[in-house]
N, C-alpha and C. Protein backbone atom coordinates (compact mmCIF):
# COMPACT_ATOMS: atom_id res chain seq x y z
N VAL A 1 1.03 -1.75 -20.18
CA VAL A 1 -0.35 -1.31 -19.39
C VAL A 1 -0.34 -2.20 -18.08
N VAL A 2 -0.60 -2.01 -17.26
CA VAL A 2 -0.74 -2.18 -15.48
C VAL A 2 -1.90 -1.69 -14.96
N ALA A 3 -2.51 -2.41 -13.59
CA ALA A 3 -3.60 -2.07 -13.21
C ALA A 3 -2.72 -1.58 -12.00
N LEU A 4 -2.90 -0.62 -10.98
CA LEU A 4 -3.25 -0.54 -9.57
C LEU A 4 -4.11 -0.18 -8.54
N ASP A 5 -3.79 -0.38 -7.73
CA ASP A 5 -4.91 -1.13 -6.61
C ASP A 5 -4.47 -0.48 -5.25
N CYS A 6 -5.38 0.74 -4.73
CA CYS A 6 -4.68 1.25 -3.75
C CYS A 6 -5.36 1.09 -1.83
N GLU A 7 -4.92 0.63 -0.91
CA GLU A 7 -6.25 0.31 0.55
C GLU A 7 -5.29 1.51 1.26
N MET A 8 -6.40 2.48 1.60
CA MET A 8 -5.58 3.48 2.44
C MET A 8 -5.95 3.36 3.84
N VAL A 9 -5.31 3.03 4.72
CA VAL A 9 -5.63 4.01 6.44
C VAL A 9 -6.27 5.30 6.86
N THR A 10 -6.43 5.51 7.54
CA THR A 10 -6.59 6.72 8.44
C THR A 10 -5.43 6.78 9.07
N THR A 11 -4.23 8.45 9.42
CA THR A 11 -3.96 8.91 10.18
C THR A 11 -3.78 10.11 10.53
N LEU A 12 -2.87 10.77 11.30
CA LEU A 12 -3.19 12.13 11.46
C LEU A 12 -3.03 13.23 10.38
N ASN A 13 -2.49 13.14 9.75
CA ASN A 13 -2.05 13.36 8.66
C ASN A 13 -3.81 13.01 7.29
N GLY A 14 -4.82 12.51 8.06
CA GLY A 14 -5.98 11.91 7.12
C GLY A 14 -5.49 10.97 6.00
N PHE A 15 -6.08 10.14 5.12
CA PHE A 15 -5.78 9.03 4.00
C PHE A 15 -4.40 9.06 4.15
N GLU A 16 -4.13 7.56 4.11
CA GLU A 16 -3.02 7.50 3.72
C GLU A 16 -2.62 6.56 3.67
N LEU A 17 -1.22 5.91 2.04
CA LEU A 17 -1.70 4.67 1.12
C LEU A 17 -0.64 3.33 2.48
N GLY A 18 -1.62 2.59 2.79
CA GLY A 18 -1.58 1.01 3.47
C GLY A 18 -1.16 -0.01 2.64
N ARG A 19 -1.45 -0.79 1.56
CA ARG A 19 -1.48 -1.36 1.38
C ARG A 19 -1.35 -0.60 -0.46
N LEU A 20 -0.44 -1.62 -1.56
CA LEU A 20 -0.73 -1.17 -3.29
C LEU A 20 -0.52 -2.07 -4.06
N SER A 21 -1.18 -3.43 -5.25
CA SER A 21 -1.25 -3.87 -5.01
C SER A 21 -1.20 -3.28 -7.32
N ILE A 22 -0.22 -3.86 -8.07
CA ILE A 22 0.01 -3.48 -9.63
C ILE A 22 0.16 -5.09 -9.93
N VAL A 23 -0.77 -5.08 -11.10
CA VAL A 23 -0.89 -6.47 -12.00
C VAL A 23 -0.43 -5.66 -13.41
N SER A 24 0.05 -7.52 -13.98
CA SER A 24 0.14 -6.51 -15.43
C SER A 24 -1.30 -6.60 -16.12
N GLU A 25 -1.13 -6.73 -17.81
CA GLU A 25 -2.44 -6.51 -18.34
C GLU A 25 -2.77 -8.14 -18.25
N ASN A 26 -2.10 -9.11 -18.15
CA ASN A 26 -1.84 -10.50 -18.45
C ASN A 26 -2.06 -11.01 -16.56
N SER A 27 -2.89 -10.37 -15.88
CA SER A 27 -2.98 -10.40 -13.95
C SER A 27 -1.90 -10.74 -13.28
N GLN A 28 -0.47 -10.72 -14.17
CA GLN A 28 0.73 -11.58 -13.24
C GLN A 28 0.62 -10.22 -12.39
N VAL A 29 0.67 -10.99 -10.66
CA VAL A 29 0.80 -10.08 -9.62
C VAL A 29 1.98 -9.30 -9.97
N LEU A 30 2.55 -8.19 -9.78
CA LEU A 30 3.94 -7.94 -10.16
C LEU A 30 4.10 -6.65 -8.94
N LEU A 31 3.47 -6.70 -8.42
CA LEU A 31 4.02 -5.91 -6.67
C LEU A 31 2.96 -6.18 -6.33
N ASP A 32 2.69 -6.49 -4.95
CA ASP A 32 1.52 -6.59 -3.48
C ASP A 32 2.18 -6.06 -2.03
N THR A 33 2.32 -5.08 -1.81
CA THR A 33 2.92 -5.06 -0.77
C THR A 33 1.71 -3.87 0.23
N TYR A 34 2.55 -4.50 1.98
CA TYR A 34 1.99 -2.93 2.77
C TYR A 34 2.58 -2.47 2.61
N VAL A 35 2.13 -0.63 3.19
CA VAL A 35 3.05 0.52 2.82
C VAL A 35 3.18 1.09 4.34
N THR A 36 4.10 1.32 5.66
CA THR A 36 4.19 1.80 6.30
C THR A 36 4.08 3.19 6.27
N PRO A 37 2.82 4.08 6.55
CA PRO A 37 2.29 5.39 6.60
C PRO A 37 3.55 6.52 6.70
N CYS A 38 3.48 7.55 6.45
CA CYS A 38 4.79 8.23 6.87
C CYS A 38 3.95 9.03 8.38
N ASN A 39 2.92 8.79 8.67
CA ASN A 39 2.15 9.76 10.16
C ASN A 39 1.14 7.82 11.00
N PRO A 40 1.70 8.10 12.14
CA PRO A 40 1.22 7.16 13.04
C PRO A 40 -0.94 7.35 12.50
N ILE A 41 -0.56 6.01 12.86
CA ILE A 41 -2.30 5.12 11.94
C ILE A 41 -3.63 5.31 13.30
N LEU A 42 -4.42 6.05 13.12
CA LEU A 42 -5.70 6.60 13.51
C LEU A 42 -6.85 5.46 13.72
N ASP A 43 -6.66 4.49 11.97
CA ASP A 43 -7.86 3.92 12.19
C ASP A 43 -7.28 2.68 10.70
N TYR A 44 -7.23 2.15 10.74
CA TYR A 44 -7.01 0.93 9.61
C TYR A 44 -8.26 0.73 8.61
N ASN A 45 -9.11 1.19 8.92
CA ASN A 45 -10.84 0.98 7.82
C ASN A 45 -10.61 -0.67 7.46
N THR A 46 -10.41 -1.18 8.28
CA THR A 46 -10.27 -2.71 8.85
C THR A 46 -12.21 -3.17 7.19
N LYS A 47 -12.70 -2.26 7.68
CA LYS A 47 -13.79 -3.14 6.96
C LYS A 47 -14.38 -2.97 5.86
N TYR A 48 -13.50 -1.84 5.69
CA TYR A 48 -13.55 -1.42 3.76
C TYR A 48 -12.13 -1.71 3.13
N SER A 49 -10.80 -1.82 3.65
CA SER A 49 -9.88 -2.24 3.70
C SER A 49 -8.85 -3.19 3.85
N GLY A 50 -9.36 -4.13 4.87
CA GLY A 50 -9.06 -5.91 5.63
C GLY A 50 -7.78 -5.14 5.68
N LEU A 51 -7.72 -3.98 6.05
CA LEU A 51 -6.18 -3.54 6.98
C LEU A 51 -6.18 -4.18 8.46
N THR A 52 -5.29 -4.54 8.65
CA THR A 52 -4.81 -4.63 10.44
C THR A 52 -3.73 -4.28 10.69
N GLU A 53 -3.27 -3.88 12.29
CA GLU A 53 -2.47 -3.80 12.73
C GLU A 53 -1.54 -5.08 12.41
N GLU A 54 -1.74 -6.06 13.06
CA GLU A 54 -1.39 -7.47 12.71
C GLU A 54 -0.46 -7.65 11.12
N LEU A 55 -1.57 -7.21 10.05
CA LEU A 55 -1.09 -7.12 8.64
C LEU A 55 0.09 -6.51 7.90
N MET A 56 -0.18 -5.38 8.22
CA MET A 56 1.31 -4.10 8.41
C MET A 56 2.01 -4.01 8.84
N SER A 57 2.11 -5.08 10.11
CA SER A 57 3.14 -4.94 10.86
C SER A 57 4.85 -5.48 9.73
N GLY A 58 5.89 -4.12 10.58
CA GLY A 58 7.08 -4.48 9.32
C GLY A 58 7.27 -4.23 8.11
N ALA A 59 5.61 -4.06 7.49
CA ALA A 59 5.80 -3.19 6.03
C ALA A 59 6.38 -2.33 5.68
N PRO A 60 7.33 -2.36 4.98
CA PRO A 60 8.42 -1.04 3.98
C PRO A 60 7.93 0.43 4.11
N SER A 61 8.44 1.38 4.43
CA SER A 61 8.23 2.33 3.96
C SER A 61 7.23 2.89 2.89
N LEU A 62 6.54 4.20 3.00
CA LEU A 62 7.02 5.02 1.54
C LEU A 62 7.67 5.15 0.32
N LEU A 63 8.89 5.79 1.52
CA LEU A 63 9.94 5.52 0.32
C LEU A 63 10.03 4.61 -0.42
N GLU A 64 10.38 3.51 0.26
CA GLU A 64 10.74 1.86 -0.31
C GLU A 64 10.22 1.79 -1.13
N VAL A 65 7.92 1.64 -1.06
CA VAL A 65 8.09 1.53 -2.07
C VAL A 65 7.84 1.65 -3.17
N ARG A 66 7.92 3.35 -3.26
CA ARG A 66 8.23 4.31 -4.44
C ARG A 66 8.76 4.00 -5.38
N GLU A 67 10.03 3.31 -4.55
CA GLU A 67 11.35 2.77 -5.16
C GLU A 67 11.12 1.74 -6.16
N LYS A 68 10.59 0.71 -5.23
CA LYS A 68 10.03 -0.29 -6.22
C LYS A 68 8.93 -0.15 -7.12
N VAL A 69 7.98 0.67 -7.08
CA VAL A 69 6.92 1.20 -8.78
C VAL A 69 8.09 1.47 -9.64
N LEU A 70 8.89 2.31 -8.54
CA LEU A 70 9.33 3.52 -10.23
C LEU A 70 10.54 2.40 -10.93
N ALA A 71 10.68 1.36 -10.35
CA ALA A 71 11.66 0.66 -10.75
C ALA A 71 10.28 -0.61 -11.78
N LEU A 72 9.24 -0.69 -11.48
CA LEU A 72 8.16 -1.44 -12.27
C LEU A 72 8.00 -0.71 -13.76
N VAL A 73 7.70 1.04 -13.46
CA VAL A 73 7.30 1.64 -14.31
C VAL A 73 7.80 2.49 -15.01
N GLY A 74 9.14 3.31 -14.36
CA GLY A 74 10.10 3.97 -14.86
C GLY A 74 10.89 3.57 -15.91
């Protein structure tokens, strides 16, 4: 059993993933990463997401993060 939380940013294509966190049933952090969306970011939604350009600088791509998620739950 795991819990998953996502923070979203607004891009040219609408809402896209900006941060992904996964914790175990024992509250152990299994994955906590920022994510570079596929499209240019228009709004970090900082008021709600806590995300900023500085925090997301150099973040892995969605495809890279997807591989990490599949390795955990696949």
